[in-house]
N, C-alpha and C. Protein backbone atom coordinates (compact mmCIF):
# COMPACT_ATOMS: atom_id res chain seq x y z
N MET A 1 99.22 116.41 160.92
CA MET A 1 98.80 117.34 159.87
C MET A 1 99.79 117.31 158.71
N GLU A 2 101.09 117.32 159.08
CA GLU A 2 102.12 117.30 158.05
C GLU A 2 102.06 116.01 157.25
N LYS A 3 101.77 114.89 157.93
CA LYS A 3 101.67 113.60 157.26
C LYS A 3 100.51 113.58 156.29
N SER A 4 99.40 114.23 156.65
CA SER A 4 98.24 114.30 155.77
C SER A 4 98.57 115.01 154.48
N TRP A 5 99.30 116.11 154.57
CA TRP A 5 99.67 116.85 153.36
C TRP A 5 100.58 116.02 152.46
N VAL A 6 101.49 115.29 153.08
CA VAL A 6 102.38 114.41 152.30
C VAL A 6 101.57 113.35 151.59
N THR A 7 100.60 112.78 152.31
CA THR A 7 99.75 111.75 151.70
C THR A 7 98.95 112.31 150.54
N ILE A 8 98.40 113.51 150.76
CA ILE A 8 97.61 114.14 149.68
C ILE A 8 98.50 114.44 148.49
N LEU A 9 99.70 114.96 148.74
CA LEU A 9 100.61 115.31 147.66
C LEU A 9 101.02 114.07 146.87
N VAL A 10 101.34 113.01 147.60
CA VAL A 10 101.71 111.75 146.92
C VAL A 10 100.55 111.23 146.09
N SER A 11 99.33 111.32 146.63
CA SER A 11 98.15 110.86 145.89
C SER A 11 97.93 111.67 144.62
N VAL A 12 98.11 112.99 144.75
CA VAL A 12 97.93 113.88 143.57
C VAL A 12 98.97 113.54 142.50
N ILE A 13 100.24 113.39 142.93
CA ILE A 13 101.30 113.07 141.96
C ILE A 13 101.04 111.71 141.31
N ALA A 14 100.65 110.73 142.13
CA ALA A 14 100.38 109.39 141.61
C ALA A 14 99.22 109.42 140.61
N GLY A 15 98.19 110.19 140.94
CA GLY A 15 97.05 110.32 140.03
C GLY A 15 97.45 110.99 138.73
N TRP A 16 98.29 112.03 138.85
CA TRP A 16 98.74 112.73 137.65
C TRP A 16 99.58 111.81 136.76
N LEU A 17 100.51 111.07 137.40
CA LEU A 17 101.34 110.13 136.64
C LEU A 17 100.50 109.05 135.98
N LEU A 18 99.52 108.55 136.70
CA LEU A 18 98.65 107.52 136.13
C LEU A 18 97.89 108.06 134.93
N GLY A 19 97.42 109.31 135.06
CA GLY A 19 96.71 109.94 133.95
C GLY A 19 97.61 110.11 132.73
N GLN A 20 98.87 110.52 132.98
CA GLN A 20 99.81 110.70 131.88
C GLN A 20 100.12 109.37 131.19
N ILE A 21 100.37 108.35 132.01
CA ILE A 21 100.67 107.02 131.45
C ILE A 21 99.48 106.49 130.66
N THR A 22 98.29 106.69 131.17
CA THR A 22 97.08 106.23 130.48
C THR A 22 96.91 106.96 129.15
N ALA A 23 97.16 108.28 129.18
CA ALA A 23 97.02 109.08 127.95
C ALA A 23 98.04 108.65 126.90
N ILE A 24 99.28 108.42 127.34
CA ILE A 24 100.33 107.99 126.41
C ILE A 24 100.01 106.61 125.85
N ALA A 25 99.57 105.71 126.72
CA ALA A 25 99.23 104.36 126.27
C ALA A 25 98.08 104.40 125.26
N LYS A 26 97.09 105.25 125.52
CA LYS A 26 95.96 105.40 124.60
C LYS A 26 96.41 105.95 123.26
N LEU A 27 97.32 106.95 123.31
CA LEU A 27 97.83 107.55 122.07
C LEU A 27 98.62 106.53 121.26
N LEU A 28 99.48 105.77 121.94
CA LEU A 28 100.26 104.75 121.23
C LEU A 28 99.37 103.69 120.62
N TYR A 29 98.33 103.31 121.35
CA TYR A 29 97.39 102.31 120.83
C TYR A 29 96.67 102.85 119.60
N GLN A 30 96.23 104.10 119.66
CA GLN A 30 95.53 104.71 118.52
C GLN A 30 96.44 104.77 117.30
N ARG A 31 97.69 105.14 117.50
CA ARG A 31 98.61 105.25 116.37
C ARG A 31 98.92 103.87 115.79
N ARG A 32 99.09 102.89 116.66
CA ARG A 32 99.34 101.53 116.18
C ARG A 32 98.13 101.00 115.40
N THR A 33 96.94 101.30 115.90
CA THR A 33 95.71 100.88 115.21
C THR A 33 95.60 101.57 113.86
N LEU A 34 95.96 102.87 113.80
CA LEU A 34 95.89 103.61 112.54
C LEU A 34 96.89 103.05 111.53
N ARG A 35 98.09 102.72 111.99
CA ARG A 35 99.09 102.14 111.08
C ARG A 35 98.60 100.80 110.53
N ARG A 36 97.99 100.00 111.39
CA ARG A 36 97.47 98.71 110.94
C ARG A 36 96.32 98.89 109.96
N THR A 37 95.44 99.86 110.24
CA THR A 37 94.31 100.12 109.35
C THR A 37 94.78 100.65 108.01
N LEU A 38 95.81 101.50 108.03
CA LEU A 38 96.39 102.00 106.78
C LEU A 38 96.98 100.86 105.96
N ALA A 39 97.67 99.95 106.63
CA ALA A 39 98.25 98.80 105.91
C ALA A 39 97.15 97.95 105.29
N GLU A 40 96.04 97.78 106.00
CA GLU A 40 94.92 97.02 105.45
C GLU A 40 94.33 97.73 104.23
N GLU A 41 94.25 99.07 104.30
CA GLU A 41 93.73 99.81 103.16
C GLU A 41 94.68 99.71 101.97
N VAL A 42 95.98 99.76 102.22
CA VAL A 42 96.95 99.63 101.14
C VAL A 42 96.83 98.25 100.49
N GLU A 43 96.63 97.23 101.29
CA GLU A 43 96.42 95.88 100.73
C GLU A 43 95.16 95.85 99.88
N GLY A 44 94.12 96.57 100.31
CA GLY A 44 92.91 96.66 99.50
C GLY A 44 93.16 97.38 98.18
N LEU A 45 94.01 98.40 98.20
CA LEU A 45 94.36 99.10 96.97
C LEU A 45 95.14 98.18 96.04
N ASN A 46 96.00 97.37 96.60
CA ASN A 46 96.75 96.40 95.82
C ASN A 46 95.80 95.44 95.09
N GLN A 47 94.83 94.91 95.82
CA GLN A 47 93.85 94.00 95.22
C GLN A 47 92.94 94.72 94.23
N GLY A 48 92.55 95.95 94.57
CA GLY A 48 91.70 96.72 93.68
C GLY A 48 92.40 97.06 92.37
N ALA A 49 93.72 97.28 92.43
CA ALA A 49 94.48 97.57 91.22
C ALA A 49 94.43 96.39 90.26
N VAL A 50 94.49 95.19 90.80
CA VAL A 50 94.39 93.99 89.95
C VAL A 50 93.02 93.93 89.29
N ARG A 51 91.99 94.23 90.05
CA ARG A 51 90.61 94.23 89.50
C ARG A 51 90.49 95.20 88.33
N ILE A 52 90.99 96.41 88.53
CA ILE A 52 90.88 97.42 87.48
C ILE A 52 91.74 97.04 86.28
N TRP A 53 92.94 96.52 86.52
CA TRP A 53 93.82 96.10 85.42
C TRP A 53 93.13 95.08 84.52
N LEU A 54 92.53 94.07 85.12
CA LEU A 54 91.88 93.02 84.32
C LEU A 54 90.72 93.59 83.52
N SER A 55 89.97 94.50 84.11
CA SER A 55 88.86 95.12 83.40
C SER A 55 89.36 95.97 82.23
N LEU A 56 90.41 96.75 82.46
CA LEU A 56 90.97 97.58 81.41
C LEU A 56 91.61 96.74 80.31
N ALA A 57 92.24 95.64 80.71
CA ALA A 57 92.83 94.75 79.71
C ALA A 57 91.76 94.19 78.78
N ARG A 58 90.61 93.86 79.35
CA ARG A 58 89.49 93.40 78.54
C ARG A 58 89.00 94.51 77.60
N SER A 59 88.90 95.73 78.11
CA SER A 59 88.47 96.85 77.29
C SER A 59 89.46 97.11 76.16
N LEU A 60 90.77 97.00 76.46
CA LEU A 60 91.78 97.20 75.43
C LEU A 60 91.69 96.12 74.36
N GLN A 61 91.45 94.91 74.80
CA GLN A 61 91.31 93.79 73.86
C GLN A 61 90.14 94.04 72.89
N ILE A 62 89.04 94.49 73.42
CA ILE A 62 87.85 94.76 72.59
C ILE A 62 88.11 95.94 71.66
N ALA A 63 88.71 97.02 72.20
CA ALA A 63 88.98 98.21 71.38
C ALA A 63 89.97 97.88 70.26
N THR A 64 90.92 96.97 70.52
CA THR A 64 91.86 96.55 69.48
C THR A 64 91.13 95.90 68.32
N ASN A 65 89.99 95.28 68.62
CA ASN A 65 89.17 94.65 67.59
C ASN A 65 88.04 95.57 67.11
N ARG A 66 88.24 96.89 67.31
CA ARG A 66 87.30 97.91 66.85
C ARG A 66 85.92 97.76 67.47
N GLY A 67 85.92 97.43 68.75
CA GLY A 67 84.67 97.38 69.50
C GLY A 67 84.78 98.25 70.73
N LEU A 68 83.71 98.28 71.52
CA LEU A 68 83.68 99.11 72.72
C LEU A 68 83.09 98.31 73.86
N ASP A 69 83.82 98.27 74.97
CA ASP A 69 83.35 97.55 76.15
C ASP A 69 82.10 98.24 76.72
N ASN A 70 81.34 97.49 77.51
CA ASN A 70 80.08 98.02 78.03
C ASN A 70 80.24 99.09 79.09
N GLY A 71 81.33 99.08 79.79
CA GLY A 71 81.46 100.04 80.88
C GLY A 71 82.90 100.25 81.28
N VAL A 72 83.07 100.93 82.41
CA VAL A 72 84.38 101.28 82.95
C VAL A 72 84.42 100.81 84.40
N PRO A 73 85.55 100.27 84.87
CA PRO A 73 85.61 99.79 86.26
C PRO A 73 85.42 100.90 87.29
N LEU A 74 84.93 100.52 88.45
CA LEU A 74 84.77 101.47 89.53
C LEU A 74 86.13 101.91 90.07
N PRO A 75 86.24 103.15 90.54
CA PRO A 75 87.54 103.64 91.03
C PRO A 75 87.90 103.03 92.39
N LEU A 76 89.15 103.24 92.78
CA LEU A 76 89.61 102.82 94.10
C LEU A 76 89.27 103.89 95.12
N LYS A 77 89.22 103.49 96.37
CA LYS A 77 88.94 104.44 97.45
C LYS A 77 90.03 104.35 98.51
N GLY A 78 90.38 105.51 99.04
CA GLY A 78 91.36 105.56 100.12
C GLY A 78 90.83 106.39 101.27
N GLU A 79 89.73 105.95 101.83
CA GLU A 79 89.02 106.76 102.83
C GLU A 79 89.79 106.93 104.13
N VAL A 80 90.49 105.90 104.57
CA VAL A 80 91.21 105.99 105.84
C VAL A 80 92.29 107.07 105.76
N TYR A 81 93.08 107.04 104.72
CA TYR A 81 94.16 108.01 104.56
C TYR A 81 93.60 109.42 104.37
N ARG A 82 92.55 109.54 103.59
CA ARG A 82 91.97 110.86 103.32
C ARG A 82 91.36 111.48 104.57
N HIS A 83 90.64 110.67 105.33
CA HIS A 83 89.91 111.20 106.48
C HIS A 83 90.77 111.31 107.74
N HIS A 84 91.90 110.61 107.77
CA HIS A 84 92.75 110.63 108.97
C HIS A 84 94.17 111.07 108.62
N TYR A 85 94.28 111.96 107.63
CA TYR A 85 95.60 112.37 107.15
C TYR A 85 96.44 113.01 108.26
N LYS A 86 95.86 113.95 109.03
CA LYS A 86 96.62 114.63 110.08
C LYS A 86 97.08 113.66 111.15
N ASP A 87 96.21 112.73 111.53
CA ASP A 87 96.60 111.73 112.53
C ASP A 87 97.67 110.80 111.97
N ALA A 88 97.55 110.47 110.67
CA ALA A 88 98.51 109.57 110.05
C ALA A 88 99.91 110.16 110.05
N LEU A 89 100.01 111.49 109.87
CA LEU A 89 101.31 112.13 109.85
C LEU A 89 102.06 111.95 111.17
N LEU A 90 101.32 111.86 112.26
CA LEU A 90 101.93 111.69 113.58
C LEU A 90 102.23 110.23 113.89
N ALA A 91 101.63 109.32 113.11
CA ALA A 91 101.76 107.89 113.41
C ALA A 91 102.81 107.20 112.55
N ILE A 92 103.33 107.89 111.52
CA ILE A 92 104.27 107.26 110.60
C ILE A 92 105.53 108.10 110.46
N ASN A 93 106.62 107.47 109.99
CA ASN A 93 107.85 108.21 109.79
C ASN A 93 107.86 108.85 108.39
N LYS A 94 108.90 109.61 108.09
CA LYS A 94 108.92 110.39 106.84
C LYS A 94 108.96 109.48 105.61
N TYR A 95 109.61 108.32 105.72
CA TYR A 95 109.68 107.42 104.58
C TYR A 95 108.30 106.81 104.30
N GLN A 96 107.60 106.45 105.36
CA GLN A 96 106.24 105.94 105.20
C GLN A 96 105.32 107.02 104.63
N ARG A 97 105.49 108.24 105.12
CA ARG A 97 104.66 109.35 104.62
C ARG A 97 104.90 109.59 103.14
N GLN A 98 106.16 109.63 102.73
CA GLN A 98 106.48 109.86 101.32
C GLN A 98 105.93 108.73 100.44
N SER A 99 106.06 107.52 100.93
CA SER A 99 105.57 106.37 100.17
C SER A 99 104.05 106.41 100.02
N LEU A 100 103.36 106.71 101.13
CA LEU A 100 101.90 106.77 101.08
C LEU A 100 101.41 107.94 100.23
N GLU A 101 102.07 109.08 100.33
CA GLU A 101 101.66 110.23 99.53
C GLU A 101 101.77 109.92 98.05
N MET A 102 102.84 109.25 97.65
CA MET A 102 103.01 108.89 96.24
C MET A 102 101.92 107.90 95.82
N LEU A 103 101.66 106.90 96.66
CA LEU A 103 100.64 105.90 96.35
C LEU A 103 99.27 106.55 96.18
N TYR A 104 98.88 107.41 97.11
CA TYR A 104 97.54 107.98 97.06
C TYR A 104 97.41 109.05 95.97
N GLN A 105 98.52 109.62 95.54
CA GLN A 105 98.46 110.50 94.37
C GLN A 105 98.10 109.70 93.13
N TYR A 106 98.66 108.51 93.02
CA TYR A 106 98.29 107.64 91.90
C TYR A 106 96.82 107.23 91.99
N VAL A 107 96.35 106.95 93.20
CA VAL A 107 94.94 106.59 93.38
C VAL A 107 94.04 107.73 92.90
N GLU A 108 94.40 108.96 93.25
CA GLU A 108 93.61 110.11 92.83
C GLU A 108 93.66 110.28 91.31
N GLN A 109 94.83 110.08 90.72
CA GLN A 109 94.95 110.19 89.27
C GLN A 109 94.09 109.14 88.56
N VAL A 110 94.08 107.93 89.08
CA VAL A 110 93.27 106.87 88.48
C VAL A 110 91.79 107.20 88.59
N GLU A 111 91.39 107.73 89.73
CA GLU A 111 89.99 108.11 89.91
C GLU A 111 89.56 109.15 88.87
N GLN A 112 90.40 110.15 88.66
CA GLN A 112 90.10 111.19 87.68
C GLN A 112 90.12 110.63 86.25
N ALA A 113 91.11 109.78 85.96
CA ALA A 113 91.23 109.22 84.62
C ALA A 113 90.07 108.29 84.29
N LEU A 114 89.58 107.55 85.28
CA LEU A 114 88.42 106.69 85.05
C LEU A 114 87.19 107.53 84.73
N GLY A 115 87.08 108.69 85.37
CA GLY A 115 85.97 109.58 85.06
C GLY A 115 86.03 110.06 83.62
N ARG A 116 87.25 110.42 83.17
CA ARG A 116 87.41 110.86 81.78
C ARG A 116 87.15 109.72 80.81
N LEU A 117 87.57 108.51 81.18
CA LEU A 117 87.35 107.35 80.31
C LEU A 117 85.86 107.04 80.20
N THR A 118 85.14 107.17 81.31
CA THR A 118 83.69 106.97 81.28
C THR A 118 83.01 107.98 80.36
N ALA A 119 83.43 109.24 80.46
CA ALA A 119 82.84 110.28 79.61
C ALA A 119 83.12 109.99 78.14
N HIS A 120 84.34 109.55 77.84
CA HIS A 120 84.69 109.24 76.45
C HIS A 120 83.90 108.04 75.94
N ASN A 121 83.73 107.04 76.79
CA ASN A 121 82.93 105.87 76.43
C ASN A 121 81.52 106.29 76.05
N GLN A 122 80.92 107.15 76.86
CA GLN A 122 79.57 107.61 76.58
C GLN A 122 79.50 108.44 75.31
N GLU A 123 80.55 109.25 75.08
CA GLU A 123 80.59 110.07 73.87
C GLU A 123 80.66 109.19 72.61
N ILE A 124 81.49 108.15 72.66
CA ILE A 124 81.60 107.25 71.51
C ILE A 124 80.28 106.53 71.26
N ARG A 125 79.62 106.12 72.34
CA ARG A 125 78.34 105.42 72.19
C ARG A 125 77.28 106.34 71.59
N ALA A 126 77.30 107.60 72.01
CA ALA A 126 76.33 108.55 71.45
C ALA A 126 76.54 108.74 69.95
N LYS A 127 77.82 108.83 69.53
CA LYS A 127 78.12 108.95 68.11
C LYS A 127 77.69 107.69 67.35
N HIS A 128 77.94 106.55 67.97
CA HIS A 128 77.56 105.29 67.33
C HIS A 128 76.05 105.21 67.13
N ALA A 129 75.31 105.69 68.12
CA ALA A 129 73.85 105.66 68.02
C ALA A 129 73.35 106.53 66.88
N SER A 130 74.01 107.66 66.63
CA SER A 130 73.55 108.57 65.59
C SER A 130 74.11 108.22 64.21
N GLN A 131 75.35 107.64 64.19
CA GLN A 131 75.99 107.38 62.91
C GLN A 131 75.91 105.92 62.48
N GLY A 132 75.66 105.02 63.43
CA GLY A 132 75.55 103.61 63.11
C GLY A 132 76.88 102.87 63.04
N SER A 133 77.99 103.54 63.37
CA SER A 133 79.31 102.89 63.36
C SER A 133 80.24 103.65 64.30
N PHE A 134 81.34 103.01 64.67
CA PHE A 134 82.31 103.64 65.54
C PHE A 134 83.29 104.46 64.72
N ASP A 135 83.63 105.63 65.21
CA ASP A 135 84.67 106.46 64.61
C ASP A 135 86.02 105.86 65.04
N LEU A 136 86.83 105.41 64.07
CA LEU A 136 88.09 104.73 64.39
C LEU A 136 89.07 105.66 65.11
N ALA A 137 89.04 106.94 64.77
CA ALA A 137 89.92 107.89 65.48
C ALA A 137 89.52 107.98 66.95
N ASP A 138 88.22 107.97 67.23
CA ASP A 138 87.75 107.98 68.62
C ASP A 138 88.20 106.73 69.36
N LEU A 139 88.12 105.59 68.69
CA LEU A 139 88.55 104.34 69.32
C LEU A 139 90.05 104.35 69.60
N ASP A 140 90.82 104.93 68.68
CA ASP A 140 92.26 105.00 68.91
C ASP A 140 92.58 105.88 70.11
N ARG A 141 91.88 107.00 70.25
CA ARG A 141 92.08 107.86 71.42
C ARG A 141 91.64 107.14 72.69
N TYR A 142 90.57 106.37 72.57
CA TYR A 142 90.08 105.58 73.71
C TYR A 142 91.14 104.57 74.14
N LYS A 143 91.77 103.92 73.17
CA LYS A 143 92.84 102.97 73.49
C LYS A 143 94.02 103.67 74.17
N ASP A 144 94.36 104.86 73.72
CA ASP A 144 95.44 105.62 74.36
C ASP A 144 95.13 105.85 75.84
N LYS A 145 93.88 106.20 76.12
CA LYS A 145 93.49 106.45 77.51
C LYS A 145 93.53 105.17 78.34
N ILE A 146 93.14 104.06 77.73
CA ILE A 146 93.20 102.78 78.44
C ILE A 146 94.64 102.43 78.78
N ARG A 147 95.54 102.57 77.82
CA ARG A 147 96.95 102.26 78.06
C ARG A 147 97.51 103.12 79.20
N ALA A 148 97.23 104.42 79.13
CA ALA A 148 97.73 105.32 80.17
C ALA A 148 97.19 104.94 81.54
N LEU A 149 95.92 104.56 81.57
CA LEU A 149 95.31 104.14 82.83
C LEU A 149 95.94 102.86 83.36
N MET A 150 96.23 101.94 82.48
CA MET A 150 96.84 100.68 82.91
C MET A 150 98.21 100.93 83.53
N HIS A 151 98.95 101.88 82.99
CA HIS A 151 100.25 102.23 83.59
C HIS A 151 100.06 102.81 84.99
N LEU A 152 99.06 103.67 85.17
CA LEU A 152 98.80 104.25 86.48
C LEU A 152 98.39 103.17 87.48
N VAL A 153 97.53 102.26 87.04
CA VAL A 153 97.08 101.17 87.91
C VAL A 153 98.25 100.27 88.31
N ALA A 154 99.13 100.01 87.34
CA ALA A 154 100.31 99.21 87.65
C ALA A 154 101.20 99.92 88.66
N ASP A 155 101.29 101.23 88.57
CA ASP A 155 102.05 102.01 89.57
C ASP A 155 101.46 101.83 90.96
N ILE A 156 100.13 101.81 91.06
CA ILE A 156 99.48 101.62 92.35
C ILE A 156 99.89 100.28 92.94
N LYS A 157 99.85 99.24 92.11
CA LYS A 157 100.20 97.92 92.64
C LYS A 157 101.65 97.89 93.12
N TRP A 158 102.56 98.48 92.35
CA TRP A 158 103.96 98.43 92.74
C TRP A 158 104.18 99.17 94.05
N HIS A 159 103.67 100.38 94.16
CA HIS A 159 103.89 101.19 95.36
C HIS A 159 103.17 100.59 96.58
N ALA A 160 102.00 100.01 96.36
CA ALA A 160 101.30 99.35 97.47
C ALA A 160 102.11 98.17 97.97
N ARG A 161 102.61 97.36 97.04
CA ARG A 161 103.39 96.19 97.46
C ARG A 161 104.70 96.62 98.12
N HIS A 162 105.32 97.66 97.58
CA HIS A 162 106.57 98.16 98.16
C HIS A 162 106.35 98.61 99.61
N TYR A 163 105.24 99.29 99.85
CA TYR A 163 104.92 99.76 101.21
C TYR A 163 104.69 98.57 102.15
N LEU A 164 103.96 97.58 101.67
CA LEU A 164 103.63 96.43 102.51
C LEU A 164 104.85 95.56 102.79
N GLU A 165 105.76 95.47 101.82
CA GLU A 165 106.95 94.63 102.00
C GLU A 165 108.04 95.33 102.81
N HIS A 166 107.98 96.66 102.90
CA HIS A 166 108.95 97.43 103.68
C HIS A 166 108.19 98.38 104.61
N PRO A 167 107.47 97.83 105.60
CA PRO A 167 106.56 98.64 106.41
C PRO A 167 107.25 99.74 107.23
N LEU A 168 108.51 99.54 107.60
CA LEU A 168 109.19 100.54 108.42
C LEU A 168 110.01 101.52 107.59
N LEU A 169 110.51 101.08 106.44
CA LEU A 169 111.38 101.93 105.64
C LEU A 169 111.10 101.72 104.14
N PRO A 170 109.95 102.18 103.67
CA PRO A 170 109.62 102.00 102.24
C PRO A 170 110.28 103.08 101.38
N ASP A 171 111.61 103.12 101.44
CA ASP A 171 112.35 104.18 100.75
C ASP A 171 112.43 103.88 99.25
N LEU A 172 112.58 104.94 98.45
CA LEU A 172 112.69 104.78 97.00
C LEU A 172 113.61 105.88 96.46
N GLN A 173 114.86 105.84 96.91
CA GLN A 173 115.83 106.84 96.47
C GLN A 173 116.23 106.60 95.02
N TYR A 174 116.55 107.68 94.32
CA TYR A 174 116.94 107.60 92.92
C TYR A 174 118.18 106.72 92.76
N LEU A 175 118.11 105.78 91.82
CA LEU A 175 119.17 104.83 91.49
C LEU A 175 119.48 103.84 92.60
N SER A 176 118.64 103.76 93.60
CA SER A 176 118.77 102.72 94.61
C SER A 176 118.34 101.39 94.00
N PRO A 177 118.64 100.25 94.64
CA PRO A 177 118.17 98.97 94.10
C PRO A 177 116.66 98.93 93.92
N GLU A 178 115.92 99.57 94.85
CA GLU A 178 114.46 99.59 94.74
C GLU A 178 114.02 100.41 93.52
N HIS A 179 114.70 101.53 93.29
CA HIS A 179 114.35 102.36 92.14
C HIS A 179 114.65 101.62 90.83
N LYS A 180 115.76 100.92 90.77
CA LYS A 180 116.09 100.15 89.56
C LYS A 180 115.07 99.04 89.33
N ALA A 181 114.62 98.40 90.43
CA ALA A 181 113.58 97.38 90.31
C ALA A 181 112.28 97.98 89.79
N TYR A 182 111.98 99.19 90.22
CA TYR A 182 110.78 99.89 89.76
C TYR A 182 110.85 100.18 88.27
N VAL A 183 112.02 100.62 87.80
CA VAL A 183 112.19 100.92 86.37
C VAL A 183 112.03 99.64 85.55
N ARG A 184 112.60 98.54 86.02
CA ARG A 184 112.44 97.25 85.31
C ARG A 184 110.98 96.84 85.28
N TYR A 185 110.29 97.07 86.37
CA TYR A 185 108.87 96.75 86.46
C TYR A 185 108.06 97.52 85.42
N LEU A 186 108.37 98.79 85.23
CA LEU A 186 107.65 99.60 84.24
C LEU A 186 107.86 99.05 82.83
N ASP A 187 109.07 98.55 82.56
CA ASP A 187 109.32 97.92 81.26
C ASP A 187 108.45 96.68 81.08
N GLN A 188 108.30 95.89 82.14
CA GLN A 188 107.46 94.69 82.07
C GLN A 188 106.01 95.06 81.84
N VAL A 189 105.57 96.16 82.45
CA VAL A 189 104.19 96.60 82.26
C VAL A 189 103.95 96.98 80.80
N ARG A 190 104.88 97.73 80.22
CA ARG A 190 104.76 98.11 78.81
C ARG A 190 104.70 96.87 77.92
N GLU A 191 105.55 95.89 78.22
CA GLU A 191 105.56 94.66 77.43
C GLU A 191 104.25 93.89 77.57
N GLU A 192 103.68 93.87 78.76
CA GLU A 192 102.43 93.15 78.99
C GLU A 192 101.28 93.82 78.24
N ILE A 193 101.24 95.15 78.25
CA ILE A 193 100.18 95.87 77.53
C ILE A 193 100.30 95.62 76.03
N ALA A 194 101.55 95.65 75.51
CA ALA A 194 101.77 95.37 74.09
C ALA A 194 101.34 93.95 73.75
N LYS A 195 101.58 93.01 74.66
CA LYS A 195 101.20 91.62 74.42
C LYS A 195 99.69 91.47 74.33
N ILE A 196 98.98 92.17 75.21
CA ILE A 196 97.52 92.12 75.19
C ILE A 196 97.00 92.55 73.82
N GLU A 197 97.53 93.66 73.31
CA GLU A 197 97.09 94.15 72.00
C GLU A 197 97.51 93.19 70.88
N ARG A 198 98.73 92.70 70.96
CA ARG A 198 99.23 91.81 69.90
C ARG A 198 98.40 90.53 69.80
N LEU A 199 98.08 89.94 70.93
CA LEU A 199 97.31 88.70 70.93
C LEU A 199 95.85 88.94 70.57
N ALA A 200 95.38 90.16 70.80
CA ALA A 200 93.98 90.46 70.50
C ALA A 200 93.75 90.74 69.02
N GLU A 201 94.80 91.16 68.32
CA GLU A 201 94.62 91.61 66.94
C GLU A 201 94.08 90.53 66.01
N GLY A 202 94.49 89.29 66.22
CA GLY A 202 94.07 88.24 65.31
C GLY A 202 92.82 87.48 65.72
N LEU A 203 92.15 87.95 66.73
CA LEU A 203 91.01 87.19 67.26
C LEU A 203 89.75 87.33 66.42
N GLY A 204 89.49 88.56 65.98
CA GLY A 204 88.21 88.80 65.33
C GLY A 204 87.11 88.87 66.38
N GLN A 205 85.96 89.34 65.97
CA GLN A 205 84.87 89.57 66.93
C GLN A 205 84.41 88.28 67.59
N GLU A 206 84.43 87.17 66.87
CA GLU A 206 83.95 85.92 67.44
C GLU A 206 84.89 85.37 68.51
N GLY A 207 86.12 85.85 68.52
CA GLY A 207 87.07 85.34 69.50
C GLY A 207 87.09 86.07 70.82
N TRP A 208 86.32 87.14 70.95
CA TRP A 208 86.37 87.93 72.17
C TRP A 208 86.03 87.13 73.41
N GLU A 209 84.94 86.40 73.33
CA GLU A 209 84.47 85.70 74.53
C GLU A 209 85.49 84.67 75.00
N ASN A 210 86.03 83.89 74.08
CA ASN A 210 87.02 82.89 74.47
C ASN A 210 88.33 83.53 74.91
N ALA A 211 88.63 84.68 74.34
CA ALA A 211 89.91 85.31 74.64
C ALA A 211 89.99 85.79 76.08
N TYR A 212 88.88 86.04 76.69
CA TYR A 212 88.88 86.59 78.05
C TYR A 212 89.37 85.56 79.06
N ILE A 213 89.21 84.28 78.75
CA ILE A 213 89.37 83.28 79.80
C ILE A 213 90.83 82.99 80.16
N PRO A 214 91.57 82.13 79.41
CA PRO A 214 92.78 81.71 80.11
C PRO A 214 94.06 82.48 79.87
N LYS A 215 94.58 82.60 78.66
CA LYS A 215 95.98 82.99 78.52
C LYS A 215 96.22 84.21 77.63
N ILE A 216 95.17 84.93 77.33
CA ILE A 216 95.36 86.07 76.44
C ILE A 216 96.01 87.24 77.18
N PHE A 217 95.65 87.45 78.44
CA PHE A 217 96.35 88.45 79.23
C PHE A 217 96.47 87.99 80.66
N ASP A 218 97.46 88.53 81.34
CA ASP A 218 97.77 88.12 82.71
C ASP A 218 97.49 89.24 83.70
N ASP A 219 97.74 88.91 84.94
CA ASP A 219 97.67 89.91 86.00
C ASP A 219 98.78 90.96 85.78
N ILE A 220 98.73 92.04 86.55
CA ILE A 220 99.80 93.03 86.48
C ILE A 220 101.12 92.33 86.81
N PRO A 221 102.19 92.62 86.09
CA PRO A 221 103.48 92.01 86.45
C PRO A 221 103.83 92.23 87.91
N ASP A 222 104.50 91.27 88.52
CA ASP A 222 104.78 91.33 89.95
C ASP A 222 106.09 92.02 90.29
N SER A 223 107.01 92.04 89.37
CA SER A 223 108.31 92.64 89.72
C SER A 223 109.03 93.08 88.45
């Protein structure tokens, strides 16, 4: 009788331990899968930032020549981070969390700014339809919005790449080597945007189509 109780007790303990180990293994697998999925989404944001940059660069080129592009690029999406935020907090360390929070704040800002740019585009078109010409002050404000958006999009690319290149410790302390590299990067972005406008100024309307192709503007600066 005593042996039976020992056997039952050992079986219960073994079953409990097995359940705990299985639960822990499942939790670790879920967190590892979430981290991998987040990294894939960040890579998608990196690629999407390039898409939006090129579209905005084209719009800036046209606006510099007193024209208006046909549309506005589609916004970026961060569904994994948005829908699994609470789970993500448990799967990443504080440096990863801070890096991702900064990145997705830029994504949200770009989404809102693209909405405002779309509204402004439609407003300018409505005025053009009634007046027969573009209001130059409206176009100048439109260009300001494009420039601001390009800076935000460039921020997305930098922070996405920084996260992917430093997956365990994507730190960005003030005056650290990474922070100094970021500041230099922002200078390059400003120079690239100025170059797009400078090269577009002498094209004239007939040069728009050719200007889009090879060397009038580049991808977002890499570093």
